[in-house]
Amino acid sequence: MVSPQKTVLAGFLDKVVSEAEFAPAVQAFAQAMTMTKLDMKTHHQTRLKARAELVHVPDKYIEKDRHRRL
């Protein structure tokens, strides 16, 4: 068997807590996890807005190259 402290060192656990600290630690973790969930529709729309200007940049240069003489 491996001690709890060694499992932290090995990277299997992030933190070792006492029995008294266990329930509050689980509740804090659960609360943190709910805050990390992304609304994927909103995330996608934000990415599209952020990239909107960049989408047309390649088209501009492709068109410019079409009219350039070699």
C-alpha atoms as a PDB file:
ATOM      1  CA  MET A   1       0.000   0.000   0.000  1.00  0.00           C
ATOM      2  CA  VAL A   2       1.007   3.554  -0.599  1.00  0.00           C
ATOM      3  CA  SER A   3       0.436   6.302   1.958  1.00  0.00           C
ATOM      4  CA  PRO A   4      -1.940   9.158   1.102  1.00  0.00           C
ATOM      5  CA  GLN A   5       0.970  11.623   1.192  1.00  0.00           C
ATOM      6  CA  LYS A   6       2.874   9.539  -1.386  1.00  0.00           C
ATOM      7  CA  THR A   7      -0.168   9.468  -3.671  1.00  0.00           C
ATOM      8  CA  VAL A   8      -0.074  13.273  -3.689  1.00  0.00           C
ATOM      9  CA  LEU A   9       3.618  13.207  -4.594  1.00  0.00           C
ATOM     10  CA  ALA A  10       2.902  10.667  -7.334  1.00  0.00           C
ATOM     11  CA  GLY A  11       0.134  12.879  -8.752  1.00  0.00           C
ATOM     12  CA  PHE A  12      -2.785  10.526  -8.053  1.00  0.00           C
ATOM     13  CA  LEU A  13      -4.332  12.967  -5.562  1.00  0.00           C
ATOM     14  CA  ASP A  14      -4.255  16.760  -5.392  1.00  0.00           C
ATOM     15  CA  LYS A  15      -4.646  17.058  -1.646  1.00  0.00           C
ATOM     16  CA  VAL A  16      -5.078  14.873   1.421  1.00  0.00           C
ATOM     17  CA  VAL A  17      -7.721  16.034   3.900  1.00  0.00           C
ATOM     18  CA  SER A  18      -8.935  14.755   7.252  1.00  0.00           C
ATOM     19  CA  GLU A  19     -12.362  13.192   7.674  1.00  0.00           C
ATOM     20  CA  ALA A  20     -13.652  16.445   9.143  1.00  0.00           C
ATOM     21  CA  GLU A  21     -12.425  18.395   6.117  1.00  0.00           C
ATOM     22  CA  PHE A  22     -13.691  15.868   3.564  1.00  0.00           C
ATOM     23  CA  ALA A  23     -17.343  16.944   3.187  1.00  0.00           C
ATOM     24  CA  PRO A  24     -16.558  20.695   2.932  1.00  0.00           C
ATOM     25  CA  ALA A  25     -13.778  19.922   0.438  1.00  0.00           C
ATOM     26  CA  VAL A  26     -16.162  17.892  -1.737  1.00  0.00           C
ATOM     27  CA  GLN A  27     -18.786  20.647  -1.576  1.00  0.00           C
ATOM     28  CA  ALA A  28     -16.219  23.291  -2.536  1.00  0.00           C
ATOM     29  CA  PHE A  29     -15.024  21.136  -5.428  1.00  0.00           C
ATOM     30  CA  ALA A  30     -18.593  20.548  -6.637  1.00  0.00           C
ATOM     31  CA  GLN A  31     -19.307  24.275  -6.505  1.00  0.00           C
ATOM     32  CA  ALA A  32     -16.121  25.043  -8.411  1.00  0.00           C
ATOM     33  CA  MET A  33     -17.022  22.484 -11.075  1.00  0.00           C
ATOM     34  CA  THR A  34     -20.424  24.100 -11.673  1.00  0.00           C
ATOM     35  CA  MET A  35     -18.671  27.410 -12.280  1.00  0.00           C
ATOM     36  CA  THR A  36     -16.367  25.896 -14.896  1.00  0.00           C
ATOM     37  CA  LYS A  37     -19.122  24.619 -17.167  1.00  0.00           C
ATOM     38  CA  LEU A  38     -19.348  26.616 -20.363  1.00  0.00           C
ATOM     39  CA  ASP A  39     -22.519  27.450 -22.178  1.00  0.00           C
ATOM     40  CA  MET A  40     -21.287  26.032 -25.485  1.00  0.00           C
ATOM     41  CA  LYS A  41     -23.704  28.027 -27.636  1.00  0.00           C
ATOM     42  CA  THR A  42     -22.549  31.295 -26.068  1.00  0.00           C
ATOM     43  CA  HIS A  43     -18.920  30.170 -26.259  1.00  0.00           C
ATOM     44  CA  HIS A  44     -19.279  29.399 -29.980  1.00  0.00           C
ATOM     45  CA  GLN A  45     -20.958  32.744 -30.689  1.00  0.00           C
ATOM     46  CA  THR A  46     -18.218  34.607 -28.831  1.00  0.00           C
ATOM     47  CA  ARG A  47     -15.530  32.798 -30.834  1.00  0.00           C
ATOM     48  CA  LEU A  48     -17.286  33.698 -34.084  1.00  0.00           C
ATOM     49  CA  LYS A  49     -17.466  37.356 -33.074  1.00  0.00           C
ATOM     50  CA  ALA A  50     -13.804  37.393 -32.099  1.00  0.00           C
ATOM     51  CA  ARG A  51     -12.772  35.842 -35.422  1.00  0.00           C
ATOM     52  CA  ALA A  52     -15.181  37.781 -37.657  1.00  0.00           C
ATOM     53  CA  GLU A  53     -12.579  40.246 -38.896  1.00  0.00           C
ATOM     54  CA  LEU A  54      -9.922  37.593 -39.389  1.00  0.00           C
ATOM     55  CA  VAL A  55     -12.142  35.403 -41.567  1.00  0.00           C
ATOM     56  CA  HIS A  56     -12.023  37.909 -44.414  1.00  0.00           C
ATOM     57  CA  VAL A  57      -8.264  38.571 -44.328  1.00  0.00           C
ATOM     58  CA  PRO A  58      -7.244  35.499 -46.381  1.00  0.00           C
ATOM     59  CA  ASP A  59      -9.958  36.257 -48.966  1.00  0.00           C
ATOM     60  CA  LYS A  60      -8.576  39.751 -49.415  1.00  0.00           C
ATOM     61  CA  TYR A  61      -5.072  38.479 -50.131  1.00  0.00           C
ATOM     62  CA  ILE A  62      -6.277  35.638 -52.368  1.00  0.00           C
ATOM     63  CA  GLU A  63      -8.152  38.147 -54.482  1.00  0.00           C
ATOM     64  CA  LYS A  64      -5.100  40.410 -54.536  1.00  0.00           C
ATOM     65  CA  ASP A  65      -2.911  37.505 -55.722  1.00  0.00           C
ATOM     66  CA  ARG A  66      -5.377  36.635 -58.512  1.00  0.00           C
ATOM     67  CA  HIS A  67      -4.884  40.036 -60.086  1.00  0.00           C
ATOM     68  CA  ARG A  68      -1.128  40.088 -59.647  1.00  0.00           C
ATOM     69  CA  ARG A  69       0.964  39.304 -62.710  1.00  0.00           C
ATOM     70  CA  LEU A  70       3.662  36.681 -62.379  1.00  0.00           C
END
